[in-house]
C-alpha atoms as a PDB file:
ATOM      1  CA  MET A   1     -42.720 -17.529 -24.918  1.00  0.00           C
ATOM      2  CA  LEU A   2     -40.747 -16.001 -22.080  1.00  0.00           C
ATOM      3  CA  GLU A   3     -39.756 -18.256 -19.166  1.00  0.00           C
ATOM      4  CA  VAL A   4     -37.809 -17.005 -16.136  1.00  0.00           C
ATOM      5  CA  THR A   5     -37.158 -18.159 -12.582  1.00  0.00           C
ATOM      6  CA  VAL A   6     -37.746 -16.024  -9.506  1.00  0.00           C
ATOM      7  CA  GLU A   7     -35.887 -16.874  -6.297  1.00  0.00           C
ATOM      8  CA  ARG A   8     -38.911 -16.222  -4.048  1.00  0.00           C
ATOM      9  CA  SER A   9     -41.655 -18.300  -2.518  1.00  0.00           C
ATOM     10  CA  ALA A  10     -45.000 -18.289  -4.300  1.00  0.00           C
ATOM     11  CA  ASP A  11     -46.700 -16.710  -1.285  1.00  0.00           C
ATOM     12  CA  ALA A  12     -44.224 -13.809  -1.205  1.00  0.00           C
ATOM     13  CA  LEU A  13     -44.511 -13.339  -4.967  1.00  0.00           C
ATOM     14  CA  LEU A  14     -48.317 -13.349  -4.906  1.00  0.00           C
ATOM     15  CA  ARG A  15     -48.308 -10.769  -2.089  1.00  0.00           C
ATOM     16  CA  GLU A  16     -45.988  -8.529  -4.127  1.00  0.00           C
ATOM     17  CA  LEU A  17     -48.175  -8.857  -7.214  1.00  0.00           C
ATOM     18  CA  ALA A  18     -51.340  -8.086  -5.229  1.00  0.00           C
ATOM     19  CA  ARG A  19     -49.587  -4.977  -3.850  1.00  0.00           C
ATOM     20  CA  ARG A  20     -49.033  -3.927  -7.482  1.00  0.00           C
ATOM     21  CA  GLY A  21     -52.719  -4.386  -8.303  1.00  0.00           C
ATOM     22  CA  LEU A  22     -52.676  -7.794 -10.002  1.00  0.00           C
ATOM     23  CA  VAL A  23     -55.359 -10.388  -9.277  1.00  0.00           C
ATOM     24  CA  VAL A  24     -55.454 -14.174  -9.511  1.00  0.00           C
ATOM     25  CA  LYS A  25     -57.545 -15.140 -12.529  1.00  0.00           C
ATOM     26  CA  LEU A  26     -56.964 -18.911 -12.309  1.00  0.00           C
ATOM     27  CA  GLU A  27     -55.573 -21.207  -9.621  1.00  0.00           C
ATOM     28  CA  THR A  28     -54.897 -24.869 -10.285  1.00  0.00           C
ATOM     29  CA  VAL A  29     -52.374 -27.684  -9.789  1.00  0.00           C
ATOM     30  CA  GLU A  30     -50.001 -28.525 -12.616  1.00  0.00           C
ATOM     31  CA  ALA A  31     -50.387 -32.303 -12.833  1.00  0.00           C
ATOM     32  CA  LYS A  32     -47.009 -33.059 -14.403  1.00  0.00           C
ATOM     33  CA  ARG A  33     -45.039 -31.615 -11.477  1.00  0.00           C
ATOM     34  CA  ASN A  34     -47.822 -31.633  -8.855  1.00  0.00           C
ATOM     35  CA  ALA A  35     -47.139 -27.921  -8.425  1.00  0.00           C
ATOM     36  CA  ARG A  36     -49.481 -25.050  -7.577  1.00  0.00           C
ATOM     37  CA  HIS A  37     -50.066 -22.854 -10.635  1.00  0.00           C
ATOM     38  CA  TRP A  38     -51.697 -19.444 -11.128  1.00  0.00           C
ATOM     39  CA  HIS A  39     -52.627 -17.076 -13.925  1.00  0.00           C
ATOM     40  CA  VAL A  40     -52.470 -13.469 -12.743  1.00  0.00           C
ATOM     41  CA  GLY A  41     -53.240 -10.189 -14.436  1.00  0.00           C
ATOM     42  CA  PHE A  42     -54.819  -6.804 -14.075  1.00  0.00           C
ATOM     43  CA  GLU A  43     -58.570  -6.528 -13.732  1.00  0.00           C
ATOM     44  CA  LYS A  44     -60.120  -5.592 -17.107  1.00  0.00           C
ATOM     45  CA  LYS A  45     -56.751  -5.424 -18.931  1.00  0.00           C
ATOM     46  CA  PRO A  46     -55.286  -7.914 -21.409  1.00  0.00           C
ATOM     47  CA  GLY A  47     -52.250  -9.994 -20.487  1.00  0.00           C
ATOM     48  CA  VAL A  48     -51.477 -13.016 -18.327  1.00  0.00           C
ATOM     49  CA  LEU A  49     -48.469 -13.896 -16.181  1.00  0.00           C
ATOM     50  CA  GLU A  50     -48.295 -17.601 -15.324  1.00  0.00           C
ATOM     51  CA  ILE A  51     -46.709 -18.618 -12.014  1.00  0.00           C
ATOM     52  CA  THR A  52     -45.713 -22.151 -11.031  1.00  0.00           C
ATOM     53  CA  ASP A  53     -44.662 -22.843  -7.423  1.00  0.00           C
ATOM     54  CA  LEU A  54     -41.429 -24.845  -7.296  1.00  0.00           C
ATOM     55  CA  GLY A  55     -40.954 -24.669  -3.530  1.00  0.00           C
ATOM     56  CA  ASP A  56     -38.276 -22.078  -2.748  1.00  0.00           C
ATOM     57  CA  ARG A  57     -38.580 -20.489  -6.180  1.00  0.00           C
ATOM     58  CA  CYS A  58     -41.185 -19.849  -8.869  1.00  0.00           C
ATOM     59  CA  GLU A  59     -41.235 -20.257 -12.615  1.00  0.00           C
ATOM     60  CA  LEU A  60     -42.819 -17.379 -14.523  1.00  0.00           C
ATOM     61  CA  LYS A  61     -44.113 -17.738 -18.069  1.00  0.00           C
ATOM     62  CA  VAL A  62     -45.626 -15.324 -20.538  1.00  0.00           C
ATOM     63  CA  ALA A  63     -47.058 -16.826 -23.728  1.00  0.00           C
ATOM     64  CA  SER A  64     -46.190 -14.819 -26.829  1.00  0.00           C
ATOM     65  CA  ASN A  65     -49.845 -13.860 -27.374  1.00  0.00           C
ATOM     66  CA  ARG A  66     -50.527 -12.929 -23.715  1.00  0.00           C
ATOM     67  CA  ASP A  67     -48.124 -10.074 -22.947  1.00  0.00           C
ATOM     68  CA  GLY A  68     -50.783  -7.364 -22.915  1.00  0.00           C
ATOM     69  CA  GLY A  69     -48.081  -4.694 -23.000  1.00  0.00           C
ATOM     70  CA  TRP A  70     -46.867  -5.410 -19.436  1.00  0.00           C
ATOM     71  CA  ALA A  71     -46.332  -9.119 -18.615  1.00  0.00           C
ATOM     72  CA  ASN A  72     -42.907  -9.672 -20.243  1.00  0.00           C
ATOM     73  CA  ALA A  73     -41.450  -6.557 -18.621  1.00  0.00           C
ATOM     74  CA  LEU A  74     -42.845  -7.498 -15.212  1.00  0.00           C
ATOM     75  CA  ALA A  75     -41.524 -11.078 -15.435  1.00  0.00           C
ATOM     76  CA  ARG A  76     -38.059  -9.782 -16.335  1.00  0.00           C
ATOM     77  CA  GLU A  77     -38.156  -7.256 -13.491  1.00  0.00           C
ATOM     78  CA  LEU A  78     -39.166  -9.896 -10.943  1.00  0.00           C
ATOM     79  CA  SER A  79     -36.430 -12.287 -12.100  1.00  0.00           C
ATOM     80  CA  ARG A  80     -33.636  -9.796 -11.368  1.00  0.00           C
ATOM     81  CA  PRO A  81     -31.707 -10.604  -8.200  1.00  0.00           C
ATOM     82  CA  THR A  82     -32.819  -8.524  -5.235  1.00  0.00           C
ATOM     83  CA  ARG A  83     -30.253  -6.430  -3.433  1.00  0.00           C
ATOM     84  CA  SER A  84     -29.417  -7.390   0.101  1.00  0.00           C
ATOM     85  CA  THR A  85     -30.078  -4.682   2.683  1.00  0.00           C
ATOM     86  CA  ARG A  86     -27.259  -4.965   5.203  1.00  0.00           C
END
């Protein structure tokens, strides 16, 4: 299982993923942390990226059997620090 943290709000992250063509497949609340939680992926393609809203950041998870050939790479890409545009 891959787990990474993204220093972005859940709303901003979900907008970025929608722009890339991903859709929300499941939306729930993680009871343990009382945190919003989503499963996102591409329509009609295998693979799931899990997102948990931690306030000012998000936790991304990809189960070892749910990569679908894209989810691990996308999670790693999103977890890289963004460059400041000054």
